[in-house]
C-alpha atoms as a PDB file:
ATOM      1  CA  UNK A   1      -0.009  -0.028   0.055  1.00  0.00           C
ATOM      2  CA  UNK A   2       1.467   3.353  -0.968  1.00  0.00           C
ATOM      3  CA  UNK A   3       1.974   6.242   1.395  1.00  0.00           C
ATOM      4  CA  UNK A   4      -0.680   8.257  -0.456  1.00  0.00           C
ATOM      5  CA  UNK A   5      -3.221   5.461  -0.121  1.00  0.00           C
ATOM      6  CA  UNK A   6      -2.511   5.229   3.558  1.00  0.00           C
ATOM      7  CA  UNK A   7      -2.840   8.955   3.845  1.00  0.00           C
ATOM      8  CA  UNK A   8      -6.159   9.060   2.001  1.00  0.00           C
ATOM      9  CA  UNK A   9      -7.338   6.195   4.284  1.00  0.00           C
ATOM     10  CA  UNK A  10      -6.499   8.349   7.291  1.00  0.00           C
ATOM     11  CA  UNK A  11      -8.400  11.275   5.723  1.00  0.00           C
ATOM     12  CA  UNK A  12     -11.487   8.957   5.228  1.00  0.00           C
ATOM     13  CA  UNK A  13     -11.229   7.820   8.778  1.00  0.00           C
ATOM     14  CA  UNK A  14     -11.112  11.454  10.105  1.00  0.00           C
ATOM     15  CA  UNK A  15     -14.146  12.289   7.888  1.00  0.00           C
ATOM     16  CA  UNK A  16     -16.056   9.356   9.197  1.00  0.00           C
ATOM     17  CA  UNK A  17     -15.498  10.499  12.673  1.00  0.00           C
ATOM     18  CA  UNK A  18     -16.663  14.000  11.842  1.00  0.00           C
ATOM     19  CA  UNK A  19     -13.126  15.538  11.948  1.00  0.00           C
ATOM     20  CA  UNK A  20     -13.504  17.403   8.716  1.00  0.00           C
ATOM     21  CA  UNK A  21     -10.818  19.958   9.180  1.00  0.00           C
ATOM     22  CA  UNK A  22      -8.181  17.199   9.935  1.00  0.00           C
ATOM     23  CA  UNK A  23      -9.302  15.332   6.801  1.00  0.00           C
ATOM     24  CA  UNK A  24      -8.934  18.561   4.746  1.00  0.00           C
ATOM     25  CA  UNK A  25      -5.452  18.997   6.155  1.00  0.00           C
ATOM     26  CA  UNK A  26      -4.419  15.600   4.921  1.00  0.00           C
ATOM     27  CA  UNK A  27      -5.883  16.341   1.481  1.00  0.00           C
ATOM     28  CA  UNK A  28      -3.956  19.533   1.310  1.00  0.00           C
ATOM     29  CA  UNK A  29      -0.746  17.705   2.114  1.00  0.00           C
ATOM     30  CA  UNK A  30      -1.609  15.332  -0.701  1.00  0.00           C
ATOM     31  CA  UNK A  31      -1.997  18.252  -3.016  1.00  0.00           C
ATOM     32  CA  UNK A  32       1.454  19.577  -2.085  1.00  0.00           C
ATOM     33  CA  UNK A  33       2.932  16.333  -3.495  1.00  0.00           C
ATOM     34  CA  UNK A  34       0.422  15.996  -6.398  1.00  0.00           C
ATOM     35  CA  UNK A  35      -1.325  19.387  -7.329  1.00  0.00           C
ATOM     36  CA  UNK A  36      -3.254  17.654  -9.979  1.00  0.00           C
ATOM     37  CA  UNK A  37      -5.013  15.076  -7.730  1.00  0.00           C
ATOM     38  CA  UNK A  38      -8.664  15.804  -8.724  1.00  0.00           C
ATOM     39  CA  UNK A  39      -9.964  13.441  -5.992  1.00  0.00           C
ATOM     40  CA  UNK A  40      -8.249  15.436  -3.259  1.00  0.00           C
ATOM     41  CA  UNK A  41      -9.524  18.666  -4.703  1.00  0.00           C
ATOM     42  CA  UNK A  42     -13.086  17.323  -4.861  1.00  0.00           C
ATOM     43  CA  UNK A  43     -12.876  15.909  -1.378  1.00  0.00           C
ATOM     44  CA  UNK A  44     -11.690  19.272  -0.018  1.00  0.00           C
ATOM     45  CA  UNK A  45     -14.603  21.140  -1.666  1.00  0.00           C
ATOM     46  CA  UNK A  46     -17.128  18.478  -0.369  1.00  0.00           C
ATOM     47  CA  UNK A  47     -15.667  18.688   3.174  1.00  0.00           C
ATOM     48  CA  UNK A  48     -15.743  22.410   3.123  1.00  0.00           C
ATOM     49  CA  UNK A  49     -19.480  22.306   2.130  1.00  0.00           C
ATOM     50  CA  UNK A  50     -20.119  19.927   5.037  1.00  0.00           C
ATOM     51  CA  UNK A  51     -18.394  22.226   7.451  1.00  0.00           C
ATOM     52  CA  UNK A  52     -20.467  25.128   6.203  1.00  0.00           C
ATOM     53  CA  UNK A  53     -23.726  23.049   6.416  1.00  0.00           C
ATOM     54  CA  UNK A  54     -22.745  21.970   9.890  1.00  0.00           C
ATOM     55  CA  UNK A  55     -22.250  25.598  10.957  1.00  0.00           C
ATOM     56  CA  UNK A  56     -25.565  26.566   9.545  1.00  0.00           C
ATOM     57  CA  UNK A  57     -27.285  23.773  11.521  1.00  0.00           C
ATOM     58  CA  UNK A  58     -25.542  24.850  14.774  1.00  0.00           C
ATOM     59  CA  UNK A  59     -26.689  28.406  14.146  1.00  0.00           C
ATOM     60  CA  UNK A  60     -30.322  27.195  13.633  1.00  0.00           C
ATOM     61  CA  UNK A  61     -30.183  25.234  16.869  1.00  0.00           C
ATOM     62  CA  UNK A  62     -28.772  28.095  18.712  1.00  0.00           C
ATOM     63  CA  UNK A  63     -31.566  30.421  17.356  1.00  0.00           C
ATOM     64  CA  UNK A  64     -34.164  28.019  18.493  1.00  0.00           C
ATOM     65  CA  UNK A  65     -32.644  27.664  21.984  1.00  0.00           C
ATOM     66  CA  UNK A  66     -32.501  31.527  22.273  1.00  0.00           C
ATOM     67  CA  UNK A  67     -36.090  31.834  21.132  1.00  0.00           C
ATOM     68  CA  UNK A  68     -37.193  29.251  23.695  1.00  0.00           C
ATOM     69  CA  UNK A  69     -35.204  31.001  26.457  1.00  0.00           C
ATOM     70  CA  UNK A  70     -36.666  34.368  25.438  1.00  0.00           C
ATOM     71  CA  UNK A  71     -40.170  32.895  25.606  1.00  0.00           C
ATOM     72  CA  UNK A  72     -39.451  31.457  29.031  1.00  0.00           C
ATOM     73  CA  UNK A  73     -38.127  34.748  30.379  1.00  0.00           C
ATOM     74  CA  UNK A  74     -41.291  36.537  29.144  1.00  0.00           C
ATOM     75  CA  UNK A  75     -43.489  34.007  30.860  1.00  0.00           C
ATOM     76  CA  UNK A  76     -41.398  34.480  34.045  1.00  0.00           C
ATOM     77  CA  UNK A  77     -41.738  38.247  33.807  1.00  0.00           C
ATOM     78  CA  UNK A  78     -45.539  37.997  33.186  1.00  0.00           C
ATOM     79  CA  UNK A  79     -45.912  35.650  36.260  1.00  0.00           C
ATOM     80  CA  UNK A  80     -43.877  38.034  38.385  1.00  0.00           C
ATOM     81  CA  UNK A  81     -45.901  40.949  37.267  1.00  0.00           C
ATOM     82  CA  UNK A  82     -49.216  39.144  38.011  1.00  0.00           C
ATOM     83  CA  UNK A  83     -47.849  37.992  41.374  1.00  0.00           C
ATOM     84  CA  UNK A  84     -47.006  41.720  42.364  1.00  0.00           C
ATOM     85  CA  UNK A  85     -50.477  42.956  41.399  1.00  0.00           C
END
């Protein structure tokens, strides 16, 4: 098994574990040795898209959590206002 094959295997392992940035780093190293490796280029693009998508999902989740907390705080404020009346 060639070093490049082993390295691509490590990148695939990182990707399967969700370590996209580590996998990209390996593909960049592969490109340093072989700048015309279309597979490495495609994998980098695909992983960058996954990272961006993952970031979008995390932002949506955070927005939902903030909205739920804001709703809770409004209810607490309304309860306190009603209790003080």
